Amino acid sequence: MARDVELVVADDVESAARLVAERLAQGAAEGSEIALTGGSTPGRAYELAAELRPDWSGAGIWWGDERCVPPDDDRSNYALAKKTLLDRLQAAPRSVHRIRGEVNPEDAAREYEEELREVTLDLVLLGLGPDAHVASLFPNEPSLDERDRLVIPTEPKLDPFVRRISLTLPALTRAPSVLFFVTGESKAEAAARAFAGPCDRGSPGSLVRSEQGETVAVLDRAAAGKL
């Protein structure tokens, strides 16, 4: 697996969000299958992507992970994307593949894997936790050893203590384009471990690299402070 990561450092959060939005808008224009992320970082990038490309009718939308909550819950990754991206588009994506966080996690993971088996994700957008977790794959957890399944339930050891459903490393790394979006000083140590340190189960972000294509990390200066 290629270990190279292209680092793109923007002056501030807004500039970083715009760079990510441009990549998302380009993917939508190309009719890509795009996996979105959740957390506190991507909302502004989604808003800008909707402005840059109001027509997403050629694209398919997926998620890299989801919390086991209803789709209208404030903690839902789908709810974030719906509010900041999907509801702002003039032309909706041709398909939206939501992880059903409101049902039994094993059933939801199995359903999502069945959908994903016949698809190649073209672009996977990922955040990075302060502990260097990625999607809902957490440090030193058995989920990092999964090689057969594409989607699994996971048990986070951080707040909020909500069960999650996540794409596995094989699902993430087979995408030809992996795009990390990381901002803030609180992520600087994790970014250094994920993008400049050794491949390490203690830093799941260090394990996610596109097998056949490109891996790009867009950071603001605060998040890049220890690189």
Protein backbone atom coordinates (compact mmCIF):
# COMPACT_ATOMS: atom_id res chain seq x y z
CA MET A 1 0.00 0.00 0.00
CA ALA A 2 1.32 3.42 -0.87
CA ARG A 3 2.14 5.42 2.25
CA ASP A 4 2.45 8.84 0.65
CA VAL A 5 0.08 11.61 1.71
CA GLU A 6 -0.15 14.92 -0.07
CA LEU A 7 -0.39 17.61 2.60
CA VAL A 8 -2.26 20.81 1.73
CA VAL A 9 -2.05 23.49 4.42
CA ALA A 10 -4.46 26.41 4.26
CA ASP A 11 -4.14 29.66 6.20
CA ASP A 12 -7.34 29.20 8.18
CA VAL A 13 -10.44 27.04 8.62
CA GLU A 14 -12.46 28.88 5.97
CA SER A 15 -9.74 28.47 3.37
CA ALA A 16 -9.37 24.79 4.20
CA ALA A 17 -13.13 24.29 3.96
CA ARG A 18 -13.17 25.91 0.53
CA LEU A 19 -10.42 23.60 -0.73
CA VAL A 20 -12.40 20.57 0.43
CA ALA A 21 -15.60 22.01 -1.05
CA GLU A 22 -13.89 22.39 -4.41
CA ARG A 23 -12.91 18.73 -4.37
CA LEU A 24 -16.45 17.68 -3.46
CA ALA A 25 -17.96 19.90 -6.14
CA GLN A 26 -15.58 18.47 -8.72
CA GLY A 27 -16.57 14.96 -7.70
CA ALA A 28 -20.23 15.83 -8.02
CA ALA A 29 -19.66 17.31 -11.47
CA GLU A 30 -17.90 14.09 -12.52
CA GLY A 31 -20.78 11.92 -11.31
CA SER A 32 -18.72 10.30 -8.58
CA GLU A 33 -19.76 8.00 -5.77
CA ILE A 34 -18.84 10.15 -2.74
CA ALA A 35 -18.62 9.08 0.90
CA LEU A 36 -19.17 11.92 3.36
CA THR A 37 -18.00 12.27 6.94
CA GLY A 38 -19.52 13.69 10.12
CA GLY A 39 -18.20 15.35 13.24
CA SER A 40 -17.72 19.05 13.92
CA THR A 41 -15.45 19.91 10.97
CA PRO A 42 -17.14 19.37 7.57
CA GLY A 43 -20.34 21.43 7.81
CA ARG A 44 -18.85 24.59 6.32
CA ALA A 45 -17.24 22.63 3.49
CA TYR A 46 -20.64 21.11 2.67
CA GLU A 47 -22.27 24.56 2.57
CA LEU A 48 -19.59 25.85 0.21
CA ALA A 49 -19.82 22.72 -1.97
CA ALA A 50 -23.54 23.34 -2.44
CA GLU A 51 -22.80 26.92 -3.51
CA LEU A 52 -20.05 25.88 -5.90
CA ARG A 53 -22.05 23.05 -7.45
CA PRO A 54 -25.83 23.31 -6.91
CA ASP A 55 -26.50 20.36 -9.24
CA TRP A 56 -25.47 17.00 -7.79
CA SER A 57 -27.83 14.96 -9.96
CA GLY A 58 -25.01 12.80 -11.32
CA ALA A 59 -23.50 11.88 -7.96
CA GLY A 60 -24.16 9.10 -5.50
CA ILE A 61 -23.84 9.94 -1.80
CA TRP A 62 -22.66 7.57 0.94
CA TRP A 63 -21.30 7.86 4.46
CA GLY A 64 -18.10 6.54 6.00
CA ASP A 65 -19.77 6.00 9.36
CA GLU A 66 -22.86 6.79 11.40
CA ARG A 67 -23.96 6.92 15.00
CA CYS A 68 -26.76 4.57 16.05
CA VAL A 69 -29.34 7.33 16.36
CA PRO A 70 -32.41 8.36 14.30
CA PRO A 71 -31.74 10.40 11.13
CA ASP A 72 -33.13 13.59 12.68
CA ASP A 73 -30.93 13.35 15.78
CA ASP A 74 -28.40 16.18 16.21
CA ARG A 75 -25.65 13.56 16.53
CA SER A 76 -26.45 11.98 13.17
CA ASN A 77 -23.89 12.35 10.38
CA TYR A 78 -26.74 12.13 7.89
CA ALA A 79 -28.56 14.99 9.65
CA LEU A 80 -25.48 17.19 9.36
CA ALA A 81 -25.11 16.55 5.64
CA LYS A 82 -28.84 16.99 5.04
CA LYS A 83 -28.84 20.40 6.73
CA THR A 84 -25.61 21.76 5.29
CA LEU A 85 -25.50 20.13 1.85
CA LEU A 86 -28.48 18.13 0.62
CA ASP A 87 -31.17 20.66 1.54
CA ARG A 88 -29.20 23.45 -0.17
CA LEU A 89 -28.89 21.78 -3.58
CA GLN A 90 -30.96 22.80 -6.57
CA ALA A 91 -30.72 19.29 -8.02
CA ALA A 92 -30.51 16.38 -5.58
CA PRO A 93 -28.02 13.52 -5.95
CA ARG A 94 -29.21 10.64 -8.12
CA SER A 95 -28.88 8.38 -5.06
CA VAL A 96 -28.46 8.90 -1.33
CA HIS A 97 -27.39 5.85 0.65
CA ARG A 98 -28.06 6.50 4.32
CA ILE A 99 -26.78 4.18 7.06
CA ARG A 100 -29.87 3.33 9.09
CA GLY A 101 -28.62 4.23 12.54
CA GLU A 102 -32.06 3.79 14.06
CA VAL A 103 -32.21 0.00 13.58
CA ASN A 104 -30.22 -2.87 15.11
CA PRO A 105 -26.53 -2.11 14.39
CA GLU A 106 -25.78 -5.56 12.98
CA ASP A 107 -28.77 -5.34 10.65
CA ALA A 108 -27.82 -1.81 9.57
CA ALA A 109 -24.22 -2.85 8.88
CA ARG A 110 -25.35 -5.87 6.89
CA GLU A 111 -27.80 -3.80 4.82
CA TYR A 112 -25.19 -1.17 4.05
CA GLU A 113 -22.60 -3.74 3.06
CA GLU A 114 -25.04 -5.30 0.61
CA GLU A 115 -25.48 -1.90 -1.04
CA LEU A 116 -21.77 -1.16 -1.05
CA ARG A 117 -20.58 -4.51 -2.41
CA GLU A 118 -21.48 -3.60 -5.98
CA VAL A 119 -20.06 -0.07 -5.82
CA THR A 120 -16.63 1.50 -5.96
CA LEU A 121 -16.48 4.68 -3.94
CA ASP A 122 -14.62 7.26 -6.01
CA LEU A 123 -14.00 9.80 -3.26
CA VAL A 124 -13.96 9.19 0.49
CA LEU A 125 -13.95 12.25 2.75
CA LEU A 126 -12.65 11.62 6.27
CA GLY A 127 -12.08 13.61 9.42
CA LEU A 128 -9.63 12.78 12.17
CA GLY A 129 -10.34 12.58 15.88
CA PRO A 130 -8.01 13.98 18.57
CA ASP A 131 -7.10 10.34 19.29
CA ALA A 132 -6.37 9.85 15.56
CA HIS A 133 -9.49 7.73 15.02
CA VAL A 134 -10.94 7.75 11.53
CA ALA A 135 -14.55 7.09 10.52
CA SER A 136 -15.61 5.07 13.60
CA LEU A 137 -12.46 2.97 13.74
CA PHE A 138 -10.79 3.61 17.09
CA PRO A 139 -7.23 3.08 18.35
CA ASN A 140 -6.14 -0.50 19.05
CA GLU A 141 -9.66 -1.89 18.58
CA PRO A 142 -10.42 -5.28 16.93
CA SER A 143 -12.29 -3.38 14.19
CA LEU A 144 -8.88 -2.45 12.72
CA ASP A 145 -8.18 -6.13 12.04
CA GLU A 146 -11.32 -6.71 9.95
CA ARG A 147 -10.38 -7.70 6.41
CA ASP A 148 -13.46 -9.46 5.04
CA ARG A 149 -16.38 -7.19 5.87
CA LEU A 150 -16.85 -3.71 4.43
CA VAL A 151 -19.19 -2.39 7.16
CA ILE A 152 -19.29 -3.26 10.87
CA PRO A 153 -20.76 -2.02 14.17
CA THR A 154 -18.19 -0.46 16.51
CA GLU A 155 -18.09 0.54 20.18
CA PRO A 156 -16.46 3.94 20.83
CA LYS A 157 -14.69 4.66 24.08
CA LEU A 158 -15.24 8.40 23.90
CA ASP A 159 -18.13 10.78 24.41
CA PRO A 160 -20.80 10.54 23.14
CA PHE A 161 -20.93 6.87 24.12
CA VAL A 162 -23.18 5.86 21.26
CA ARG A 163 -22.73 2.68 19.24
CA ARG A 164 -21.68 3.32 15.68
CA ILE A 165 -21.55 1.71 12.26
CA SER A 166 -18.42 2.17 10.20
CA LEU A 167 -16.81 1.31 6.92
CA THR A 168 -13.77 -0.89 7.52
CA LEU A 169 -10.20 -0.31 6.40
CA PRO A 170 -10.67 -2.42 3.23
CA ALA A 171 -13.72 -0.34 2.26
CA LEU A 172 -11.94 2.95 2.87
CA THR A 173 -8.63 2.13 1.22
CA ARG A 174 -10.04 0.76 -2.03
CA ALA A 175 -11.30 4.23 -3.00
CA PRO A 176 -9.08 5.87 -5.66
CA SER A 177 -9.28 9.21 -3.83
CA VAL A 178 -9.09 9.56 -0.04
CA LEU A 179 -9.43 13.11 1.30
CA PHE A 180 -8.81 14.02 4.93
CA PHE A 181 -10.12 17.33 6.32
CA VAL A 182 -8.56 18.31 9.66
CA THR A 183 -8.70 21.66 11.47
CA GLY A 184 -7.85 23.10 14.86
CA GLU A 185 -4.96 22.98 17.31
CA SER A 186 -6.63 20.14 19.20
CA LYS A 187 -6.02 17.90 16.17
CA ALA A 188 -2.35 18.83 15.66
CA GLU A 189 -0.85 15.89 17.52
CA ALA A 190 -3.24 13.44 15.88
CA ALA A 191 -2.41 14.88 12.45
CA ALA A 192 1.30 14.44 13.08
CA ARG A 193 0.76 10.82 14.07
CA ALA A 194 -1.58 10.08 11.18
CA PHE A 195 0.30 11.81 8.37
CA ALA A 196 3.95 11.94 9.46
CA GLY A 197 4.32 9.02 11.86
CA PRO A 198 4.64 5.28 11.34
CA CYS A 199 1.77 3.02 10.35
CA ASP A 200 0.34 2.28 13.79
CA ARG A 201 -2.84 0.67 15.16
CA GLY A 202 -2.73 3.28 17.91
CA SER A 203 -3.35 5.91 15.20
CA PRO A 204 -6.03 4.57 12.86
CA GLY A 205 -5.65 7.58 10.56
CA SER A 206 -2.16 6.33 9.71
CA LEU A 207 -3.68 3.11 8.33
CA VAL A 208 -5.95 4.75 5.74
CA ARG A 209 -4.26 5.30 2.40
CA SER A 210 -5.72 4.78 -1.06
CA GLU A 211 -4.38 1.49 -2.37
CA GLN A 212 -4.42 2.52 -6.03
CA GLY A 213 -4.83 6.29 -6.09
CA GLU A 214 -4.22 9.45 -4.09
CA THR A 215 -4.46 10.35 -0.43
CA VAL A 216 -4.68 14.06 0.34
CA ALA A 217 -4.88 15.77 3.73
CA VAL A 218 -6.24 19.32 3.83
CA LEU A 219 -5.41 21.08 7.10
CA ASP A 220 -5.48 24.59 8.47
CA ARG A 221 -2.27 25.96 9.99
CA ALA A 222 -3.35 25.11 13.52
CA ALA A 223 -3.90 21.44 12.72
CA ALA A 224 -0.61 21.32 10.79
CA GLY A 225 1.35 22.85 13.66
CA LYS A 226 3.23 19.66 14.58
CA LEU A 227 3.88 18.32 11.10
